[in-house]
PDB file of N, CA and C in Angstrom:
ATOM      1  N   UNK A   1      11.902 -15.327  -4.402  1.00  0.00           N
ATOM      2  CA  UNK A   1      10.912 -15.185  -3.351  1.00  0.00           C
ATOM      3  C   UNK A   1       9.552 -14.891  -3.988  1.00  0.00           C
ATOM      4  N   UNK A   2       8.535 -15.566  -3.519  1.00  0.00           N
ATOM      5  CA  UNK A   2       7.191 -15.358  -4.039  1.00  0.00           C
ATOM      6  C   UNK A   2       6.617 -14.046  -3.512  1.00  0.00           C
ATOM      7  N   UNK A   3       5.884 -13.363  -4.375  1.00  0.00           N
ATOM      8  CA  UNK A   3       5.229 -12.127  -3.959  1.00  0.00           C
ATOM      9  C   UNK A   3       3.936 -12.459  -3.221  1.00  0.00           C
ATOM     10  N   UNK A   4       3.623 -11.655  -2.247  1.00  0.00           N
ATOM     11  CA  UNK A   4       2.351 -11.766  -1.524  1.00  0.00           C
ATOM     12  C   UNK A   4       1.391 -10.730  -2.092  1.00  0.00           C
ATOM     13  N   UNK A   5       0.120 -11.047  -2.061  1.00  0.00           N
ATOM     14  CA  UNK A   5      -0.920 -10.130  -2.511  1.00  0.00           C
ATOM     15  C   UNK A   5      -1.651  -9.631  -1.269  1.00  0.00           C
ATOM     16  N   UNK A   6      -1.565  -8.331  -1.062  1.00  0.00           N
ATOM     17  CA  UNK A   6      -2.037  -7.705   0.174  1.00  0.00           C
ATOM     18  C   UNK A   6      -3.206  -6.784  -0.146  1.00  0.00           C
ATOM     19  N   UNK A   7      -4.260  -6.882   0.652  1.00  0.00           N
ATOM     20  CA  UNK A   7      -5.423  -6.005   0.480  1.00  0.00           C
ATOM     21  C   UNK A   7      -5.557  -5.119   1.708  1.00  0.00           C
ATOM     22  N   UNK A   8      -5.642  -3.810   1.449  1.00  0.00           N
ATOM     23  CA  UNK A   8      -5.861  -2.812   2.483  1.00  0.00           C
ATOM     24  C   UNK A   8      -7.215  -2.162   2.240  1.00  0.00           C
ATOM     25  N   UNK A   9      -7.972  -1.953   3.309  1.00  0.00           N
ATOM     26  CA  UNK A   9      -9.270  -1.264   3.202  1.00  0.00           C
ATOM     27  C   UNK A   9      -9.278  -0.098   4.177  1.00  0.00           C
ATOM     28  N   UNK A  10     -10.007   0.950   3.808  1.00  0.00           N
ATOM     29  CA  UNK A  10     -10.081   2.138   4.645  1.00  0.00           C
ATOM     30  C   UNK A  10     -10.558   1.769   6.038  1.00  0.00           C
ATOM     31  N   UNK A  11      -9.794   2.197   7.035  1.00  0.00           N
ATOM     32  CA  UNK A  11     -10.148   1.957   8.439  1.00  0.00           C
ATOM     33  C   UNK A  11     -11.047   3.098   8.920  1.00  0.00           C
ATOM     34  N   UNK A  12     -11.382   3.056  10.175  1.00  0.00           N
ATOM     35  CA  UNK A  12     -12.273   4.057  10.771  1.00  0.00           C
ATOM     36  C   UNK A  12     -11.651   5.457  10.688  1.00  0.00           C
ATOM     37  N   UNK A  13     -12.456   6.417  10.220  1.00  0.00           N
ATOM     38  CA  UNK A  13     -12.057   7.827  10.171  1.00  0.00           C
ATOM     39  C   UNK A  13     -13.219   8.658  10.713  1.00  0.00           C
ATOM     40  N   UNK A  14     -13.011   9.973  10.848  1.00  0.00           N
ATOM     41  CA  UNK A  14     -14.092  10.847  11.318  1.00  0.00           C
ATOM     42  C   UNK A  14     -15.298  10.803  10.390  1.00  0.00           C
ATOM     43  N   UNK A  15     -15.037  10.783   9.086  1.00  0.00           N
ATOM     44  CA  UNK A  15     -16.142  10.782   8.127  1.00  0.00           C
ATOM     45  C   UNK A  15     -16.675   9.385   7.812  1.00  0.00           C
ATOM     46  N   UNK A  16     -15.910   8.368   8.134  1.00  0.00           N
ATOM     47  CA  UNK A  16     -16.320   6.972   7.912  1.00  0.00           C
ATOM     48  C   UNK A  16     -16.077   6.193   9.201  1.00  0.00           C
ATOM     49  N   UNK A  17     -16.943   6.364  10.208  1.00  0.00           N
ATOM     50  CA  UNK A  17     -16.700   5.738  11.515  1.00  0.00           C
ATOM     51  C   UNK A  17     -16.648   4.206  11.489  1.00  0.00           C
ATOM     52  N   UNK A  18     -17.199   3.593  10.460  1.00  0.00           N
ATOM     53  CA  UNK A  18     -17.140   2.136  10.327  1.00  0.00           C
ATOM     54  C   UNK A  18     -16.112   1.692   9.295  1.00  0.00           C
ATOM     55  N   UNK A  19     -15.305   2.648   8.794  1.00  0.00           N
ATOM     56  CA  UNK A  19     -14.384   2.314   7.716  1.00  0.00           C
ATOM     57  C   UNK A  19     -15.161   2.157   6.419  1.00  0.00           C
ATOM     58  N   UNK A  20     -14.494   1.645   5.382  1.00  0.00           N
ATOM     59  CA  UNK A  20     -15.173   1.445   4.098  1.00  0.00           C
ATOM     60  C   UNK A  20     -14.412   0.410   3.291  1.00  0.00           C
ATOM     61  N   UNK A  21     -15.016  -0.750   3.092  1.00  0.00           N
ATOM     62  CA  UNK A  21     -14.364  -1.820   2.321  1.00  0.00           C
ATOM     63  C   UNK A  21     -14.324  -1.507   0.825  1.00  0.00           C
ATOM     64  N   UNK A  22     -15.022  -0.457   0.397  1.00  0.00           N
ATOM     65  CA  UNK A  22     -15.032  -0.066  -1.010  1.00  0.00           C
ATOM     66  C   UNK A  22     -13.927   0.910  -1.366  1.00  0.00           C
ATOM     67  N   UNK A  23     -13.068   1.238  -0.406  1.00  0.00           N
ATOM     68  CA  UNK A  23     -11.944   2.145  -0.641  1.00  0.00           C
ATOM     69  C   UNK A  23     -10.685   1.455  -0.139  1.00  0.00           C
ATOM     70  N   UNK A  24      -9.684   1.351  -0.999  1.00  0.00           N
ATOM     71  CA  UNK A  24      -8.469   0.699  -0.543  1.00  0.00           C
ATOM     72  C   UNK A  24      -7.462   0.448  -1.633  1.00  0.00           C
ATOM     73  N   UNK A  25      -6.585  -0.480  -1.327  1.00  0.00           N
ATOM     74  CA  UNK A  25      -5.475  -0.827  -2.198  1.00  0.00           C
ATOM     75  C   UNK A  25      -5.289  -2.335  -2.199  1.00  0.00           C
ATOM     76  N   UNK A  26      -4.896  -2.860  -3.341  1.00  0.00           N
ATOM     77  CA  UNK A  26      -4.412  -4.231  -3.450  1.00  0.00           C
ATOM     78  C   UNK A  26      -3.042  -4.118  -4.096  1.00  0.00           C
ATOM     79  N   UNK A  27      -2.049  -4.733  -3.475  1.00  0.00           N
ATOM     80  CA  UNK A  27      -0.706  -4.647  -4.038  1.00  0.00           C
ATOM     81  C   UNK A  27       0.051  -5.945  -3.832  1.00  0.00           C
ATOM     82  N   UNK A  28       1.080  -6.109  -4.654  1.00  0.00           N
ATOM     83  CA  UNK A  28       1.946  -7.284  -4.591  1.00  0.00           C
ATOM     84  C   UNK A  28       3.313  -6.833  -4.094  1.00  0.00           C
ATOM     85  N   UNK A  29       3.857  -7.582  -3.137  1.00  0.00           N
ATOM     86  CA  UNK A  29       5.160  -7.237  -2.578  1.00  0.00           C
ATOM     87  C   UNK A  29       5.795  -8.469  -1.946  1.00  0.00           C
ATOM     88  N   UNK A  30       7.130  -8.509  -1.918  1.00  0.00           N
ATOM     89  CA  UNK A  30       7.812  -9.586  -1.198  1.00  0.00           C
ATOM     90  C   UNK A  30       7.821  -9.269   0.293  1.00  0.00           C
ATOM     91  N   UNK A  31       7.534 -10.266   1.104  1.00  0.00           N
ATOM     92  CA  UNK A  31       7.536 -10.100   2.555  1.00  0.00           C
ATOM     93  C   UNK A  31       8.518 -11.074   3.187  1.00  0.00           C
ATOM     94  N   UNK A  32       9.076 -10.661   4.314  1.00  0.00           N
ATOM     95  CA  UNK A  32       9.923 -11.552   5.093  1.00  0.00           C
ATOM     96  C   UNK A  32       9.019 -12.553   5.818  1.00  0.00           C
ATOM     97  N   UNK A  33       9.627 -13.536   6.459  1.00  0.00           N
ATOM     98  CA  UNK A  33       8.856 -14.556   7.167  1.00  0.00           C
ATOM     99  C   UNK A  33       7.981 -13.961   8.260  1.00  0.00           C
ATOM    100  N   UNK A  34       8.404 -12.826   8.851  1.00  0.00           N
ATOM    101  CA  UNK A  34       7.591 -12.217   9.912  1.00  0.00           C
ATOM    102  C   UNK A  34       6.628 -11.149   9.393  1.00  0.00           C
ATOM    103  N   UNK A  35       6.519 -10.993   8.061  1.00  0.00           N
ATOM    104  CA  UNK A  35       5.504 -10.118   7.483  1.00  0.00           C
ATOM    105  C   UNK A  35       5.940  -8.703   7.154  1.00  0.00           C
ATOM    106  N   UNK A  36       7.233  -8.404   7.216  1.00  0.00           N
ATOM    107  CA  UNK A  36       7.729  -7.072   6.852  1.00  0.00           C
ATOM    108  C   UNK A  36       8.088  -7.040   5.365  1.00  0.00           C
ATOM    109  N   UNK A  37       8.065  -5.840   4.779  1.00  0.00           N
ATOM    110  CA  UNK A  37       8.513  -5.695   3.399  1.00  0.00           C
ATOM    111  C   UNK A  37       9.974  -6.112   3.300  1.00  0.00           C
ATOM    112  N   UNK A  38      10.307  -6.759   2.199  1.00  0.00           N
ATOM    113  CA  UNK A  38      11.665  -7.231   1.956  1.00  0.00           C
ATOM    114  C   UNK A  38      12.295  -6.376   0.855  1.00  0.00           C
ATOM    115  N   UNK A  39      13.127  -5.373   1.214  1.00  0.00           N
ATOM    116  CA  UNK A  39      13.709  -4.490   0.202  1.00  0.00           C
ATOM    117  C   UNK A  39      14.576  -5.225  -0.827  1.00  0.00           C
ATOM    118  N   UNK A  40      15.285  -6.252  -0.400  1.00  0.00           N
ATOM    119  CA  UNK A  40      16.118  -7.009  -1.344  1.00  0.00           C
ATOM    120  C   UNK A  40      15.249  -7.778  -2.332  1.00  0.00           C
ATOM    121  N   UNK A  41      14.171  -8.351  -1.835  1.00  0.00           N
ATOM    122  CA  UNK A  41      13.233  -9.032  -2.724  1.00  0.00           C
ATOM    123  C   UNK A  41      12.576  -8.059  -3.679  1.00  0.00           C
ATOM    124  N   UNK A  42      12.288  -6.852  -3.186  1.00  0.00           N
ATOM    125  CA  UNK A  42      11.696  -5.819  -4.042  1.00  0.00           C
ATOM    126  C   UNK A  42      12.641  -5.477  -5.193  1.00  0.00           C
ATOM    127  N   UNK A  43      13.939  -5.336  -4.901  1.00  0.00           N
ATOM    128  CA  UNK A  43      14.913  -5.005  -5.954  1.00  0.00           C
ATOM    129  C   UNK A  43      14.885  -6.034  -7.073  1.00  0.00           C
ATOM    130  N   UNK A  44      14.717  -7.302  -6.710  1.00  0.00           N
ATOM    131  CA  UNK A  44      14.718  -8.383  -7.701  1.00  0.00           C
ATOM    132  C   UNK A  44      13.428  -8.438  -8.506  1.00  0.00           C
ATOM    133  N   UNK A  45      12.307  -8.019  -7.900  1.00  0.00           N
ATOM    134  CA  UNK A  45      10.995  -8.161  -8.541  1.00  0.00           C
ATOM    135  C   UNK A  45      10.218  -6.852  -8.631  1.00  0.00           C
ATOM    136  N   UNK A  46      10.901  -5.694  -8.627  1.00  0.00           N
ATOM    137  CA  UNK A  46      10.185  -4.423  -8.527  1.00  0.00           C
ATOM    138  C   UNK A  46       9.180  -4.186  -9.657  1.00  0.00           C
ATOM    139  N   UNK A  47       9.421  -4.737 -10.839  1.00  0.00           N
ATOM    140  CA  UNK A  47       8.470  -4.556 -11.938  1.00  0.00           C
ATOM    141  C   UNK A  47       7.181  -5.345 -11.732  1.00  0.00           C
ATOM    142  N   UNK A  48       7.216  -6.320 -10.831  1.00  0.00           N
ATOM    143  CA  UNK A  48       6.031  -7.125 -10.534  1.00  0.00           C
ATOM    144  C   UNK A  48       5.312  -6.660  -9.263  1.00  0.00           C
ATOM    145  N   UNK A  49       5.878  -5.652  -8.595  1.00  0.00           N
ATOM    146  CA  UNK A  49       5.286  -5.121  -7.352  1.00  0.00           C
ATOM    147  C   UNK A  49       4.265  -4.049  -7.717  1.00  0.00           C
ATOM    148  N   UNK A  50       3.120  -4.504  -8.150  1.00  0.00           N
ATOM    149  CA  UNK A  50       2.081  -3.610  -8.659  1.00  0.00           C
ATOM    150  C   UNK A  50       1.097  -3.219  -7.564  1.00  0.00           C
ATOM    151  N   UNK A  51       0.349  -2.155  -7.836  1.00  0.00           N
ATOM    152  CA  UNK A  51      -0.686  -1.691  -6.919  1.00  0.00           C
ATOM    153  C   UNK A  51      -1.930  -1.324  -7.726  1.00  0.00           C
ATOM    154  N   UNK A  52      -3.076  -1.559  -7.108  1.00  0.00           N
ATOM    155  CA  UNK A  52      -4.360  -1.106  -7.654  1.00  0.00           C
ATOM    156  C   UNK A  52      -5.061  -0.345  -6.544  1.00  0.00           C
ATOM    157  N   UNK A  53      -5.347   0.933  -6.805  1.00  0.00           N
ATOM    158  CA  UNK A  53      -6.107   1.754  -5.864  1.00  0.00           C
ATOM    159  C   UNK A  53      -7.557   1.712  -6.315  1.00  0.00           C
ATOM    160  N   UNK A  54      -8.458   1.392  -5.400  1.00  0.00           N
ATOM    161  CA  UNK A  54      -9.876   1.330  -5.750  1.00  0.00           C
ATOM    162  C   UNK A  54     -10.682   2.204  -4.798  1.00  0.00           C
ATOM    163  N   UNK A  55     -11.730   2.799  -5.337  1.00  0.00           N
ATOM    164  CA  UNK A  55     -12.655   3.603  -4.543  1.00  0.00           C
ATOM    165  C   UNK A  55     -14.007   3.537  -5.236  1.00  0.00           C
ATOM    166  N   UNK A  56     -14.991   3.127  -4.498  1.00  0.00           N
ATOM    167  CA  UNK A  56     -16.342   2.990  -5.034  1.00  0.00           C
ATOM    168  C   UNK A  56     -16.726   4.267  -5.791  1.00  0.00           C
ATOM    169  N   UNK A  57     -17.213   4.106  -7.025  1.00  0.00           N
ATOM    170  CA  UNK A  57     -17.656   5.231  -7.829  1.00  0.00           C
ATOM    171  C   UNK A  57     -16.557   5.926  -8.617  1.00  0.00           C
ATOM    172  N   UNK A  58     -15.324   5.463  -8.483  1.00  0.00           N
ATOM    173  CA  UNK A  58     -14.197   6.047  -9.217  1.00  0.00           C
ATOM    174  C   UNK A  58     -13.504   4.957 -10.026  1.00  0.00           C
ATOM    175  N   UNK A  59     -12.823   5.382 -11.082  1.00  0.00           N
ATOM    176  CA  UNK A  59     -12.037   4.427 -11.871  1.00  0.00           C
ATOM    177  C   UNK A  59     -10.833   3.966 -11.046  1.00  0.00           C
ATOM    178  N   UNK A  60     -10.491   2.692 -11.164  1.00  0.00           N
ATOM    179  CA  UNK A  60      -9.305   2.174 -10.491  1.00  0.00           C
ATOM    180  C   UNK A  60      -8.055   2.859 -11.048  1.00  0.00           C
ATOM    181  N   UNK A  61      -7.045   2.976 -10.208  1.00  0.00           N
ATOM    182  CA  UNK A  61      -5.730   3.451 -10.637  1.00  0.00           C
ATOM    183  C   UNK A  61      -4.761   2.298 -10.434  1.00  0.00           C
ATOM    184  N   UNK A  62      -3.875   2.106 -11.392  1.00  0.00           N
ATOM    185  CA  UNK A  62      -2.875   1.049 -11.260  1.00  0.00           C
ATOM    186  C   UNK A  62      -1.484   1.653 -11.373  1.00  0.00           C
ATOM    187  N   UNK A  63      -0.548   1.056 -10.662  1.00  0.00           N
ATOM    188  CA  UNK A  63       0.816   1.561 -10.681  1.00  0.00           C
ATOM    189  C   UNK A  63       1.760   0.579 -10.037  1.00  0.00           C
ATOM    190  N   UNK A  64       2.800   1.128  -9.417  1.00  0.00           N
ATOM    191  CA  UNK A  64       3.853   0.309  -8.833  1.00  0.00           C
ATOM    192  C   UNK A  64       4.136   0.716  -7.396  1.00  0.00           C
ATOM    193  N   UNK A  65       4.594  -0.244  -6.610  1.00  0.00           N
ATOM    194  CA  UNK A  65       5.161   0.029  -5.303  1.00  0.00           C
ATOM    195  C   UNK A  65       6.606   0.436  -5.562  1.00  0.00           C
ATOM    196  N   UNK A  66       6.985   1.636  -5.106  1.00  0.00           N
ATOM    197  CA  UNK A  66       8.349   2.103  -5.339  1.00  0.00           C
ATOM    198  C   UNK A  66       9.070   2.279  -4.009  1.00  0.00           C
ATOM    199  N   UNK A  67      10.387   2.192  -4.072  1.00  0.00           N
ATOM    200  CA  UNK A  67      11.220   2.313  -2.877  1.00  0.00           C
ATOM    201  C   UNK A  67      12.352   3.265  -3.195  1.00  0.00           C
ATOM    202  N   UNK A  68      12.457   4.334  -2.415  1.00  0.00           N
ATOM    203  CA  UNK A  68      13.515   5.318  -2.624  1.00  0.00           C
ATOM    204  C   UNK A  68      14.607   5.179  -1.596  1.00  0.00           C
ATOM    205  N   UNK A  69      15.332   6.247  -1.421  1.00  0.00           N
ATOM    206  CA  UNK A  69      16.424   6.243  -0.444  1.00  0.00           C
ATOM    207  C   UNK A  69      15.892   6.025   0.964  1.00  0.00           C
ATOM    208  N   UNK A  70      16.695   5.367   1.774  1.00  0.00           N
ATOM    209  CA  UNK A  70      16.301   5.124   3.163  1.00  0.00           C
ATOM    210  C   UNK A  70      15.099   4.204   3.224  1.00  0.00           C
ATOM    211  N   UNK A  71      14.129   4.595   4.018  1.00  0.00           N
ATOM    212  CA  UNK A  71      12.944   3.763   4.233  1.00  0.00           C
ATOM    213  C   UNK A  71      11.733   4.276   3.465  1.00  0.00           C
ATOM    214  N   UNK A  72      11.939   5.146   2.485  1.00  0.00           N
ATOM    215  CA  UNK A  72      10.834   5.754   1.748  1.00  0.00           C
ATOM    216  C   UNK A  72      10.172   4.751   0.793  1.00  0.00           C
ATOM    217  N   UNK A  73       8.906   4.497   1.038  1.00  0.00           N
ATOM    218  CA  UNK A  73       8.092   3.651   0.158  1.00  0.00           C
ATOM    219  C   UNK A  73       6.901   4.484  -0.297  1.00  0.00           C
ATOM    220  N   UNK A  74       6.402   4.209  -1.501  1.00  0.00           N
ATOM    221  CA  UNK A  74       5.237   4.927  -2.004  1.00  0.00           C
ATOM    222  C   UNK A  74       4.559   4.098  -3.086  1.00  0.00           C
ATOM    223  N   UNK A  75       3.297   4.426  -3.335  1.00  0.00           N
ATOM    224  CA  UNK A  75       2.606   3.911  -4.510  1.00  0.00           C
ATOM    225  C   UNK A  75       2.718   4.989  -5.571  1.00  0.00           C
ATOM    226  N   UNK A  76       3.066   4.602  -6.794  1.00  0.00           N
ATOM    227  CA  UNK A  76       3.223   5.553  -7.890  1.00  0.00           C
ATOM    228  C   UNK A  76       2.410   5.076  -9.079  1.00  0.00           C
ATOM    229  N   UNK A  77       1.697   6.017  -9.695  1.00  0.00           N
ATOM    230  CA  UNK A  77       0.803   5.656 -10.792  1.00  0.00           C
ATOM    231  C   UNK A  77       1.270   6.153 -12.151  1.00  0.00           C
ATOM    232  N   UNK A  78       2.281   7.037 -12.174  1.00  0.00           N
ATOM    233  CA  UNK A  78       2.838   7.569 -13.421  1.00  0.00           C
ATOM    234  C   UNK A  78       4.256   8.038 -13.144  1.00  0.00           C
ATOM    235  N   UNK A  79       5.013   8.267 -14.210  1.00  0.00           N
ATOM    236  CA  UNK A  79       6.388   8.748 -14.047  1.00  0.00           C
ATOM    237  C   UNK A  79       6.387  10.084 -13.307  1.00  0.00           C
ATOM    238  N   UNK A  80       7.405  10.304 -12.507  1.00  0.00           N
ATOM    239  CA  UNK A  80       7.493  11.534 -11.726  1.00  0.00           C
ATOM    240  C   UNK A  80       6.840  11.361 -10.372  1.00  0.00           C
ATOM    241  N   UNK A  81       7.070  12.322  -9.496  1.00  0.00           N
ATOM    242  CA  UNK A  81       6.593  12.209  -8.115  1.00  0.00           C
ATOM    243  C   UNK A  81       5.250  12.887  -7.872  1.00  0.00           C
ATOM    244  N   UNK A  82       4.676  13.556  -8.874  1.00  0.00           N
ATOM    245  CA  UNK A  82       3.449  14.329  -8.662  1.00  0.00           C
ATOM    246  C   UNK A  82       2.285  13.506  -8.136  1.00  0.00           C
ATOM    247  N   UNK A  83       2.205  12.246  -8.516  1.00  0.00           N
ATOM    248  CA  UNK A  83       1.064  11.417  -8.122  1.00  0.00           C
ATOM    249  C   UNK A  83       1.422  10.397  -7.046  1.00  0.00           C
ATOM    250  N   UNK A  84       2.663  10.407  -6.580  1.00  0.00           N
ATOM    251  CA  UNK A  84       3.085   9.402  -5.601  1.00  0.00           C
ATOM    252  C   UNK A  84       2.311   9.540  -4.300  1.00  0.00           C
ATOM    253  N   UNK A  85       2.005   8.400  -3.692  1.00  0.00           N
ATOM    254  CA  UNK A  85       1.325   8.358  -2.406  1.00  0.00           C
ATOM    255  C   UNK A  85       2.288   7.770  -1.376  1.00  0.00           C
ATOM    256  N   UNK A  86       2.952   8.630  -0.590  1.00  0.00           N
ATOM    257  CA  UNK A  86       3.902   8.140   0.413  1.00  0.00           C
ATOM    258  C   UNK A  86       3.201   7.310   1.484  1.00  0.00           C
ATOM    259  N   UNK A  87       3.915   6.331   1.990  1.00  0.00           N
ATOM    260  CA  UNK A  87       3.355   5.441   2.990  1.00  0.00           C
ATOM    261  C   UNK A  87       4.191   5.568   4.259  1.00  0.00           C
ATOM    262  N   UNK A  88       3.556   6.017   5.322  1.00  0.00           N
ATOM    263  CA  UNK A  88       4.220   6.325   6.579  1.00  0.00           C
ATOM    264  C   UNK A  88       4.791   5.071   7.224  1.00  0.00           C
ATOM    265  N   UNK A  89       6.112   5.056   7.401  1.00  0.00           N
ATOM    266  CA  UNK A  89       6.825   3.968   8.072  1.00  0.00           C
ATOM    267  C   UNK A  89       6.447   2.581   7.530  1.00  0.00           C
ATOM    268  N   UNK A  90       6.286   2.492   6.216  1.00  0.00           N
ATOM    269  CA  UNK A  90       5.883   1.231   5.586  1.00  0.00           C
ATOM    270  C   UNK A  90       6.865   0.118   5.915  1.00  0.00           C
ATOM    271  N   UNK A  91       8.133   0.451   6.045  1.00  0.00           N
ATOM    272  CA  UNK A  91       9.165  -0.547   6.311  1.00  0.00           C
ATOM    273  C   UNK A  91       9.042  -1.145   7.710  1.00  0.00           C
ATOM    274  N   UNK A  92       8.359  -0.460   8.617  1.00  0.00           N
ATOM    275  CA  UNK A  92       8.245  -0.941  10.001  1.00  0.00           C
ATOM    276  C   UNK A  92       6.987  -1.774  10.246  1.00  0.00           C
ATOM    277  N   UNK A  93       6.052  -1.721   9.319  1.00  0.00           N
ATOM    278  CA  UNK A  93       4.783  -2.421   9.519  1.00  0.00           C
ATOM    279  C   UNK A  93       4.896  -3.899   9.191  1.00  0.00           C
ATOM    280  N   UNK A  94       4.110  -4.675   9.915  1.00  0.00           N
ATOM    281  CA  UNK A  94       3.951  -6.097   9.588  1.00  0.00           C
ATOM    282  C   UNK A  94       2.667  -6.228   8.782  1.00  0.00           C
ATOM    283  N   UNK A  95       2.752  -6.938   7.698  1.00  0.00           N
ATOM    284  CA  UNK A  95       1.581  -7.140   6.856  1.00  0.00           C
ATOM    285  C   UNK A  95       0.934  -8.467   7.193  1.00  0.00           C
ATOM    286  N   UNK A  96       0.097  -8.383   8.218  1.00  0.00           N
ATOM    287  CA  UNK A  96      -0.728  -9.497   8.662  1.00  0.00           C
ATOM    288  C   UNK A  96      -2.126  -8.938   8.890  1.00  0.00           C
ATOM    289  N   UNK A  97      -3.157  -9.732   8.651  1.00  0.00           N
ATOM    290  CA  UNK A  97      -4.511  -9.232   8.850  1.00  0.00           C
ATOM    291  C   UNK A  97      -4.698  -8.629  10.244  1.00  0.00           C
ATOM    292  N   UNK A  98      -5.365  -7.475  10.262  1.00  0.00           N
ATOM    293  CA  UNK A  98      -5.645  -6.783  11.507  1.00  0.00           C
ATOM    294  C   UNK A  98      -4.705  -5.629  11.802  1.00  0.00           C
ATOM    295  N   UNK A  99      -3.563  -5.573  11.127  1.00  0.00           N
ATOM    296  CA  UNK A  99      -2.617  -4.465  11.317  1.00  0.00           C
ATOM    297  C   UNK A  99      -3.081  -3.248  10.513  1.00  0.00           C
ATOM    298  N   UNK A 100      -2.539  -2.076  10.845  1.00  0.00           N
ATOM    299  CA  UNK A 100      -2.915  -0.821  10.189  1.00  0.00           C
ATOM    300  C   UNK A 100      -1.700  -0.132   9.596  1.00  0.00           C
ATOM    301  N   UNK A 101      -1.914   0.593   8.476  1.00  0.00           N
ATOM    302  CA  UNK A 101      -0.889   1.438   7.868  1.00  0.00           C
ATOM    303  C   UNK A 101      -1.542   2.770   7.495  1.00  0.00           C
ATOM    304  N   UNK A 102      -0.716   3.817   7.378  1.00  0.00           N
ATOM    305  CA  UNK A 102      -1.210   5.134   6.976  1.00  0.00           C
ATOM    306  C   UNK A 102      -0.625   5.487   5.618  1.00  0.00           C
ATOM    307  N   UNK A 103      -1.497   5.966   4.728  1.00  0.00           N
ATOM    308  CA  UNK A 103      -1.087   6.336   3.377  1.00  0.00           C
ATOM    309  C   UNK A 103      -1.530   7.772   3.124  1.00  0.00           C
ATOM    310  N   UNK A 104      -0.618   8.586   2.575  1.00  0.00           N
ATOM    311  CA  UNK A 104      -0.956   9.945   2.194  1.00  0.00           C
ATOM    312  C   UNK A 104      -1.420   9.914   0.750  1.00  0.00           C
ATOM    313  N   UNK A 105      -2.697  10.196   0.532  1.00  0.00           N
ATOM    314  CA  UNK A 105      -3.282  10.103  -0.802  1.00  0.00           C
ATOM    315  C   UNK A 105      -2.960  11.335  -1.644  1.00  0.00           C
ATOM    316  N   UNK A 106      -3.390  11.308  -2.922  1.00  0.00           N
ATOM    317  CA  UNK A 106      -3.107  12.386  -3.881  1.00  0.00           C
ATOM    318  C   UNK A 106      -3.444  13.771  -3.350  1.00  0.00           C
ATOM    319  N   UNK A 107      -4.520  13.859  -2.596  1.00  0.00           N
ATOM    320  CA  UNK A 107      -4.979  15.168  -2.113  1.00  0.00           C
ATOM    321  C   UNK A 107      -4.219  15.641  -0.880  1.00  0.00           C
ATOM    322  N   UNK A 108      -3.245  14.854  -0.430  1.00  0.00           N
ATOM    323  CA  UNK A 108      -2.438  15.233   0.715  1.00  0.00           C
ATOM    324  C   UNK A 108      -2.974  14.749   2.045  1.00  0.00           C
ATOM    325  N   UNK A 109      -4.164  14.150   2.050  1.00  0.00           N
ATOM    326  CA  UNK A 109      -4.745  13.650   3.294  1.00  0.00           C
ATOM    327  C   UNK A 109      -4.155  12.284   3.636  1.00  0.00           C
ATOM    328  N   UNK A 110      -3.736  12.120   4.886  1.00  0.00           N
ATOM    329  CA  UNK A 110      -3.218  10.840   5.349  1.00  0.00           C
ATOM    330  C   UNK A 110      -4.354  10.068   5.994  1.00  0.00           C
ATOM    331  N   UNK A 111      -4.585   8.853   5.499  1.00  0.00           N
ATOM    332  CA  UNK A 111      -5.697   8.031   5.975  1.00  0.00           C
ATOM    333  C   UNK A 111      -5.199   6.691   6.487  1.00  0.00           C
ATOM    334  N   UNK A 112      -5.909   6.116   7.468  1.00  0.00           N
ATOM    335  CA  UNK A 112      -5.545   4.789   7.982  1.00  0.00           C
ATOM    336  C   UNK A 112      -6.194   3.687   7.139  1.00  0.00           C
ATOM    337  N   UNK A 113      -5.442   2.640   6.903  1.00  0.00           N
ATOM    338  CA  UNK A 113      -5.949   1.472   6.186  1.00  0.00           C
ATOM    339  C   UNK A 113      -5.634   0.225   6.989  1.00  0.00           C
ATOM    340  N   UNK A 114      -6.556  -0.715   6.951  1.00  0.00           N
ATOM    341  CA  UNK A 114      -6.408  -1.968   7.681  1.00  0.00           C
ATOM    342  C   UNK A 114      -6.011  -3.079   6.701  1.00  0.00           C
ATOM    343  N   UNK A 115      -5.060  -3.904   7.123  1.00  0.00           N
ATOM    344  CA  UNK A 115      -4.683  -5.080   6.334  1.00  0.00           C
ATOM    345  C   UNK A 115      -5.799  -6.104   6.535  1.00  0.00           C
ATOM    346  N   UNK A 116      -6.491  -6.442   5.444  1.00  0.00           N
ATOM    347  CA  UNK A 116      -7.594  -7.404   5.575  1.00  0.00           C
ATOM    348  C   UNK A 116      -7.230  -8.787   5.038  1.00  0.00           C
ATOM    349  N   UNK A 117      -6.244  -8.853   4.135  1.00  0.00           N
ATOM    350  CA  UNK A 117      -5.817 -10.175   3.682  1.00  0.00           C
ATOM    351  C   UNK A 117      -4.397 -10.132   3.131  1.00  0.00           C
ATOM    352  N   UNK A 118      -3.713 -11.261   3.269  1.00  0.00           N
ATOM    353  CA  UNK A 118      -2.382 -11.473   2.713  1.00  0.00           C
ATOM    354  C   UNK A 118      -2.399 -12.895   2.173  1.00  0.00           C
ATOM    355  N   UNK A 119      -2.215 -13.025   0.852  1.00  0.00           N
ATOM    356  CA  UNK A 119      -2.224 -14.358   0.249  1.00  0.00           C
ATOM    357  C   UNK A 119      -1.058 -14.540  -0.697  1.00  0.00           C
TER     358      UNK A 119
END
């Protein structure tokens, strides 16, 4: 199964009422025909399921999309769970432009991100 390249950008928040295209994530993941994450495809290609976290004025972080027990998905940038960014109900979201997902960042704050592209 071919991996899709998905771009998420910060959606509207209290401090960023217009969102911010300079803050977000780009990641590679296998998707089903209807746009959901494919856990079986992930198992086959997990080393290629990479993520890049970007934020204007900060160095990019690169890592992997990881999948734990049950429906737990996260972005991980180093060994161990200290830096993992859990993704709320990632398994239930459809990755199509215009949809939203919530990610808990390193500082513990959960922020909304909008799917802006899937290629």
